[in-house]
Amino acid sequence: MKGNTSAGFLLVDKPQGWTSHDVVAKVRGQIGGKVGHAGTLDPMATGLLVLGIGGATRLLRFVQGARKEYLATALLGVATDSLDADGTIVSSEPLPVTATEVREAMEQFTGEISQIPPMVSARKVEGRRLYELAREGKVVEREARKVTIDKLELIDFAPSDHPEITFRTVCTTGTYIRTLADDIGRALGGRAHLTALRRVRNGPINVKDALSIDEIVAAVSNDDIERLVLDPGSVLEGFPEIRVDEALALRVRNGRDLPSDMAPDEALVQEFLRISDRSGNLIAMYRDDNGALVPEVVIR
C-alpha cells in the first residue's frame, strides 16, 4: 500500500502524549509518501489533526487558516513554567473566585486581543525555537501578536481555593490557549495553567469524523485506507467553487489564468476559490488578481 494512497486529507484524533510530528511519522510509516499536518497540537492536547496526503500537503495552508474550536480545562491559582500541566509548578496561591467573576474576566478576551507567546513554544526568535531557549534556562523578549477570539464560554466551574474551570473557545489560527488560560487567571488577580485541551473543530471539520491511530493502522492492514482518505474538495468546501468543462479543466491543469467574470460576485469576497471539474473533483485553488483568476495551487 505504501506510496499508492491518493492525494487527500486524513482526519486524526491525536492521542495525549503524542506530538503532531509523532502522528505524521506514524502515518507516513504506514502509507509512505508525503504526509504533513495543518496546525500543531501540543503533546498534552488531544483532538483533531488534519493530515495532508501526497499532493494535498500543498493545500494544508488553506485548512490551517480556518477558525479552530477548543475545549479546555484550567486550574486557577497555580502557574507552571510552560503554562500547562507538562510544566513545573512555579507558584501556587489560593484564588477563590466565583463563576460569575470568571465569566466577567473572560469578557475582556473576546474580539481581537494581543498575546505574548509562551517560552515553551515552537515560535522562533532570532532563528531559534523558544522551547530550545527555555531548555537552556533562558527567557527572552517575545513580541506580542494579534489573535481573534470569536467565542469564549465558561461551561463548567468547580469551586475551591484553586477552582477548576472548563471553557469553550473559537479562535483564529496561532492562538495559544494556555496563554489565554493564564491571562484569565491574571485578570482574576492570580495565575492559572491548562490541565486539558481538546481541538474539536477546524473550520467545518469536526473531530467526531476523525480516526484513532489504531483505526488507521487497522485500515492499512486491511488494505482499506484509501476509503478513509477524504477528497480535498470535500474538506475545502467552505471556499467558493467554480466547476469547469473538460477544455477549461485542461487549461487549469496547465496553470493558465481564467477570466474573473467566471466567478460569482460572492466568490470574490474571499481570497481564494476552488476550481473543480464537472464531477466536483478539485483541480486547483485560484485567487483574484486585478481582473483575472490566477492559480495559487494546482494539484491534478
Protein backbone atom coordinates (compact mmCIF):
# COMPACT_ATOMS: atom_id res chain seq x y z
CA MET A 1 0.00 0.00 0.00
CA LYS A 2 2.90 2.37 0.61
CA GLY A 3 3.16 5.21 -1.87
CA ASN A 4 -0.13 4.37 -3.63
CA THR A 5 -2.56 6.33 -1.48
CA SER A 6 -4.48 9.05 -3.34
CA ALA A 7 -3.87 12.70 -2.58
CA GLY A 8 -6.34 13.89 0.03
CA PHE A 9 -6.88 14.54 3.71
CA LEU A 10 -6.88 12.17 6.65
CA LEU A 11 -8.55 13.26 9.89
CA VAL A 12 -6.82 12.02 13.03
CA ASP A 13 -7.89 12.21 16.67
CA LYS A 14 -4.47 12.85 18.18
CA PRO A 15 -3.88 10.97 21.44
CA GLN A 16 -2.42 12.62 24.53
CA GLY A 17 1.35 12.36 24.82
CA TRP A 18 1.96 12.35 21.07
CA THR A 19 3.44 15.31 19.24
CA SER A 20 1.94 16.32 15.92
CA HIS A 21 5.20 15.17 14.33
CA ASP A 22 4.77 11.75 16.01
CA VAL A 23 1.39 11.38 14.29
CA VAL A 24 2.79 12.42 10.91
CA ALA A 25 5.71 9.99 11.27
CA LYS A 26 3.40 7.13 12.25
CA VAL A 27 1.05 7.67 9.31
CA ARG A 28 3.95 8.17 6.89
CA GLY A 29 5.41 4.89 8.12
CA GLN A 30 2.09 3.18 7.42
CA ILE A 31 1.26 4.57 3.98
CA GLY A 32 4.51 6.06 2.69
CA GLY A 33 4.87 9.17 0.55
CA LYS A 34 4.35 12.77 1.61
CA VAL A 35 2.41 13.47 4.83
CA GLY A 36 2.01 16.83 6.58
CA HIS A 37 -0.31 18.40 9.13
CA ALA A 38 -2.39 21.57 9.41
CA GLY A 39 -1.65 23.16 12.77
CA THR A 40 0.43 21.85 15.65
CA LEU A 41 -1.14 20.44 18.82
CA ASP A 42 0.94 20.30 22.00
CA PRO A 43 1.75 16.80 23.32
CA MET A 44 -0.67 17.30 26.23
CA ALA A 45 -3.53 18.15 23.86
CA THR A 46 -5.84 15.74 22.07
CA GLY A 47 -8.24 16.08 19.21
CA LEU A 48 -8.47 16.98 15.57
CA LEU A 49 -5.30 16.94 13.50
CA VAL A 50 -5.82 17.27 9.75
CA LEU A 51 -3.18 15.43 7.72
CA GLY A 52 -2.44 16.09 4.07
CA ILE A 53 -1.52 13.04 2.00
CA GLY A 54 0.57 13.27 -1.19
CA GLY A 55 -0.17 16.33 -3.30
CA ALA A 56 -2.75 17.53 -0.78
CA THR A 57 0.10 18.60 1.52
CA ARG A 58 0.24 21.70 -0.69
CA LEU A 59 -3.33 22.51 0.36
CA LEU A 60 -2.76 22.31 4.10
CA ARG A 61 -2.35 26.07 4.46
CA PHE A 62 -5.95 26.56 3.36
CA VAL A 63 -7.05 24.26 6.20
CA GLN A 64 -4.65 25.77 8.72
CA GLY A 65 -6.02 29.26 8.23
CA ALA A 66 -9.53 28.28 9.34
CA ARG A 67 -11.03 29.08 12.74
CA LYS A 68 -10.38 26.47 15.44
CA GLU A 69 -12.65 25.38 18.29
CA TYR A 70 -11.26 24.01 21.55
CA LEU A 71 -12.50 22.61 24.83
CA ALA A 72 -10.06 23.50 27.60
CA THR A 73 -9.72 22.93 31.34
CA ALA A 74 -7.60 25.15 33.57
CA LEU A 75 -6.62 25.24 37.23
CA LEU A 76 -6.79 28.72 38.74
CA GLY A 77 -4.20 29.94 41.24
CA VAL A 78 -1.44 27.56 40.11
CA ALA A 79 1.15 28.55 37.49
CA THR A 80 3.66 26.37 35.65
CA ASP A 81 6.68 27.37 33.59
CA SER A 82 5.06 26.02 30.41
CA LEU A 83 1.55 27.30 31.26
CA ASP A 84 0.25 23.72 31.03
CA ALA A 85 0.29 20.53 33.05
CA ASP A 86 3.50 19.29 31.42
CA GLY A 87 5.49 22.06 33.12
CA THR A 88 6.92 22.60 36.60
CA ILE A 89 4.85 24.50 39.16
CA VAL A 90 6.36 27.95 39.74
CA SER A 91 3.69 29.44 42.01
CA SER A 92 0.57 28.39 43.89
CA GLU A 93 -1.71 30.83 45.68
CA PRO A 94 -5.40 30.46 46.61
CA LEU A 95 -7.72 32.12 44.10
CA PRO A 96 -11.26 31.51 45.49
CA VAL A 97 -13.21 33.32 42.78
CA THR A 98 -16.80 32.67 41.69
CA ALA A 99 -18.16 31.52 38.34
CA THR A 100 -19.62 34.99 37.82
CA GLU A 101 -16.21 36.58 38.32
CA VAL A 102 -14.68 34.14 35.83
CA ARG A 103 -17.31 34.99 33.20
CA GLU A 104 -16.74 38.71 33.76
CA ALA A 105 -12.98 38.26 33.38
CA MET A 106 -13.47 36.30 30.16
CA GLU A 107 -15.38 39.16 28.56
CA GLN A 108 -12.19 41.16 28.08
CA PHE A 109 -10.66 38.35 25.99
CA THR A 110 -13.17 38.27 23.14
CA GLY A 111 -12.55 40.03 19.85
CA GLU A 112 -9.05 40.98 18.75
CA ILE A 113 -6.52 40.66 21.56
CA SER A 114 -2.75 40.63 21.95
CA GLN A 115 -0.92 37.53 23.15
CA ILE A 116 2.70 37.02 24.13
CA PRO A 117 3.85 33.53 23.01
CA PRO A 118 4.90 31.27 25.91
CA MET A 119 8.58 30.47 26.28
CA VAL A 120 7.82 26.79 25.82
CA SER A 121 6.56 27.09 22.24
CA ALA A 122 7.79 26.45 18.71
CA ARG A 123 7.84 30.13 17.73
CA LYS A 124 11.26 31.36 16.61
CA VAL A 125 13.17 34.34 17.99
CA GLU A 126 16.35 35.25 16.11
CA GLY A 127 16.38 31.88 14.39
CA ARG A 128 15.89 29.70 17.47
CA ARG A 129 12.80 27.97 18.80
CA LEU A 130 11.60 29.38 22.09
CA TYR A 131 11.41 25.92 23.68
CA GLU A 132 15.10 25.39 22.86
CA LEU A 133 15.98 28.58 24.71
CA ALA A 134 13.69 27.60 27.59
CA ARG A 135 15.55 24.29 27.98
CA GLU A 136 18.73 26.33 28.46
CA GLY A 137 17.03 28.32 31.21
CA LYS A 138 16.80 31.45 29.09
CA VAL A 139 13.87 33.86 29.00
CA VAL A 140 13.85 36.26 26.05
CA GLU A 141 11.70 39.17 24.96
CA ARG A 142 8.76 37.98 22.84
CA GLU A 143 6.76 40.22 20.58
CA ALA A 144 3.03 40.30 21.26
CA ARG A 145 0.87 39.20 18.34
CA LYS A 146 -2.74 39.84 17.45
CA VAL A 147 -5.27 36.98 17.52
CA THR A 148 -9.04 36.98 17.45
CA ILE A 149 -11.29 35.17 19.92
CA ASP A 150 -14.75 34.77 18.40
CA LYS A 151 -16.25 32.90 21.33
CA LEU A 152 -15.15 32.31 24.92
CA GLU A 153 -17.69 30.47 27.06
CA LEU A 154 -17.45 29.04 30.58
CA ILE A 155 -19.12 25.62 30.52
CA ASP A 156 -18.10 24.18 33.90
CA PHE A 157 -16.85 25.53 37.22
CA ALA A 158 -15.63 23.60 40.27
CA PRO A 159 -15.31 25.98 43.25
CA SER A 160 -12.40 25.68 45.69
CA ASP A 161 -9.35 27.67 46.74
CA HIS A 162 -7.99 26.60 43.34
CA PRO A 163 -11.09 26.45 41.13
CA GLU A 164 -11.06 24.30 38.03
CA ILE A 165 -12.74 25.82 35.01
CA THR A 166 -13.71 24.32 31.67
CA PHE A 167 -14.29 26.64 28.74
CA ARG A 168 -15.01 26.54 25.05
CA THR A 169 -13.31 28.91 22.63
CA VAL A 170 -13.42 29.59 18.90
CA CYS A 171 -10.37 31.48 17.68
CA THR A 172 -8.02 32.27 14.83
CA THR A 173 -5.07 30.09 14.00
CA GLY A 174 -1.98 30.82 16.10
CA THR A 175 -3.91 31.43 19.32
CA TYR A 176 -2.21 29.95 22.39
CA ILE A 177 -4.94 28.51 24.59
CA ARG A 178 -2.55 28.03 27.51
CA THR A 179 -1.65 31.71 27.31
CA LEU A 180 -5.37 32.51 27.25
CA ALA A 181 -5.90 30.39 30.39
CA ASP A 182 -3.09 32.17 32.24
CA ASP A 183 -4.33 35.57 31.07
CA ILE A 184 -7.76 34.75 32.53
CA GLY A 185 -6.03 33.85 35.81
CA ARG A 186 -4.11 37.13 35.78
CA ALA A 187 -7.33 39.07 35.12
CA LEU A 188 -8.74 37.43 38.27
CA GLY A 189 -5.74 38.53 40.33
CA GLY A 190 -3.64 35.38 40.17
CA ARG A 191 -2.28 32.84 37.69
CA ALA A 192 -3.53 29.66 36.01
CA HIS A 193 -2.37 26.78 33.87
CA LEU A 194 -4.02 24.49 31.35
CA THR A 195 -4.73 20.94 32.53
CA ALA A 196 -6.54 19.60 29.45
CA LEU A 197 -7.06 20.73 25.87
CA ARG A 198 -9.01 19.20 23.01
CA ARG A 199 -9.37 20.57 19.50
CA VAL A 200 -12.90 19.74 18.40
CA ARG A 201 -13.19 21.66 15.15
CA ASN A 202 -11.03 23.07 12.36
CA GLY A 203 -13.21 25.22 10.10
CA PRO A 204 -16.12 22.94 9.06
CA ILE A 205 -14.23 19.76 10.03
CA ASN A 206 -15.29 18.11 13.31
CA VAL A 207 -13.30 15.74 15.48
CA LYS A 208 -16.26 13.33 15.51
CA ASP A 209 -15.24 12.42 11.95
CA ALA A 210 -11.61 11.77 12.90
CA LEU A 211 -9.90 8.40 13.24
CA SER A 212 -7.77 7.00 16.01
CA ILE A 213 -4.23 5.85 15.27
CA ASP A 214 -5.35 2.25 15.83
CA GLU A 215 -8.14 2.64 13.27
CA ILE A 216 -5.67 3.93 10.70
CA VAL A 217 -3.24 1.06 11.35
CA ALA A 218 -6.10 -1.46 11.04
CA ALA A 219 -7.27 0.12 7.78
CA VAL A 220 -3.77 -0.15 6.31
CA SER A 221 -3.56 -3.79 7.42
CA ASN A 222 -6.89 -4.49 5.70
CA ASP A 223 -5.86 -2.56 2.56
CA ASP A 224 -8.77 -0.20 3.23
CA ILE A 225 -7.02 3.10 3.93
CA GLU A 226 -7.97 4.55 0.54
CA ARG A 227 -11.61 4.66 1.63
CA LEU A 228 -10.72 6.85 4.62
CA VAL A 229 -8.72 9.47 2.72
CA LEU A 230 -11.04 12.40 2.02
CA ASP A 231 -11.14 14.13 -1.35
CA PRO A 232 -9.56 17.59 -0.98
CA GLY A 233 -12.66 19.31 -2.32
CA SER A 234 -14.85 17.93 0.45
CA VAL A 235 -12.55 19.34 3.13
CA LEU A 236 -12.22 22.73 1.44
CA GLU A 237 -15.92 23.10 0.69
CA GLY A 238 -16.02 26.33 2.71
CA PHE A 239 -14.33 28.06 -0.24
CA PRO A 240 -16.47 29.18 -3.21
CA GLU A 241 -16.38 26.78 -6.17
CA ILE A 242 -16.31 27.12 -9.94
CA ARG A 243 -16.89 23.97 -11.99
CA VAL A 244 -15.31 23.90 -15.43
CA ASP A 245 -15.73 21.75 -18.54
CA GLU A 246 -13.04 19.47 -19.91
CA ALA A 247 -11.42 22.14 -22.09
CA LEU A 248 -11.15 24.64 -19.23
CA ALA A 249 -10.04 21.88 -16.84
CA LEU A 250 -7.06 21.26 -19.12
CA ARG A 251 -6.32 24.99 -19.08
CA VAL A 252 -6.42 24.95 -15.27
CA ARG A 253 -4.16 21.90 -15.05
CA ASN A 254 -1.65 23.76 -17.18
CA GLY A 255 -1.67 26.66 -14.71
CA ARG A 256 -3.35 29.18 -17.02
CA ASP A 257 -5.35 32.20 -15.89
CA LEU A 258 -9.13 32.36 -16.13
CA PRO A 259 -11.36 35.43 -16.61
CA SER A 260 -12.70 36.69 -13.29
CA ASP A 261 -16.22 37.02 -14.68
CA MET A 262 -16.44 33.24 -14.44
CA ALA A 263 -16.72 33.63 -10.66
CA PRO A 264 -19.97 34.66 -8.98
CA ASP A 265 -19.69 38.02 -7.19
CA GLU A 266 -19.86 36.40 -3.75
CA ALA A 267 -16.87 34.18 -4.62
CA LEU A 268 -14.53 37.15 -4.93
CA VAL A 269 -15.29 38.29 -1.38
CA GLN A 270 -12.96 35.51 -0.24
CA GLU A 271 -9.29 35.49 -1.11
CA PHE A 272 -9.29 32.02 -2.64
CA LEU A 273 -11.75 29.82 -4.54
CA ARG A 274 -11.87 26.23 -5.74
CA ILE A 275 -11.72 25.19 -9.37
CA SER A 276 -13.31 21.75 -9.86
CA ASP A 277 -14.18 19.59 -12.85
CA ARG A 278 -17.77 18.78 -13.80
CA SER A 279 -17.77 15.86 -11.35
CA GLY A 280 -16.75 18.11 -8.45
CA ASN A 281 -13.16 16.87 -8.22
CA LEU A 282 -10.87 19.65 -7.02
CA ILE A 283 -8.27 20.64 -9.62
CA ALA A 284 -6.78 23.80 -8.16
CA MET A 285 -7.11 26.74 -5.81
CA TYR A 286 -7.25 30.13 -7.57
CA ARG A 287 -7.31 33.74 -6.45
CA ASP A 288 -8.49 37.01 -7.96
CA ASP A 289 -5.69 39.21 -9.30
CA ASN A 290 -6.77 42.51 -10.86
CA GLY A 291 -9.43 41.17 -13.17
CA ALA A 292 -8.10 37.66 -13.70
CA LEU A 293 -8.31 34.42 -11.76
CA VAL A 294 -4.78 33.10 -11.31
CA PRO A 295 -3.61 29.74 -9.96
CA GLU A 296 -2.44 29.54 -6.37
CA VAL A 297 -2.05 25.74 -6.16
CA VAL A 298 -2.70 23.20 -8.94
CA ILE A 299 -2.96 19.64 -7.66
CA ARG A 300 -4.13 17.47 -10.59
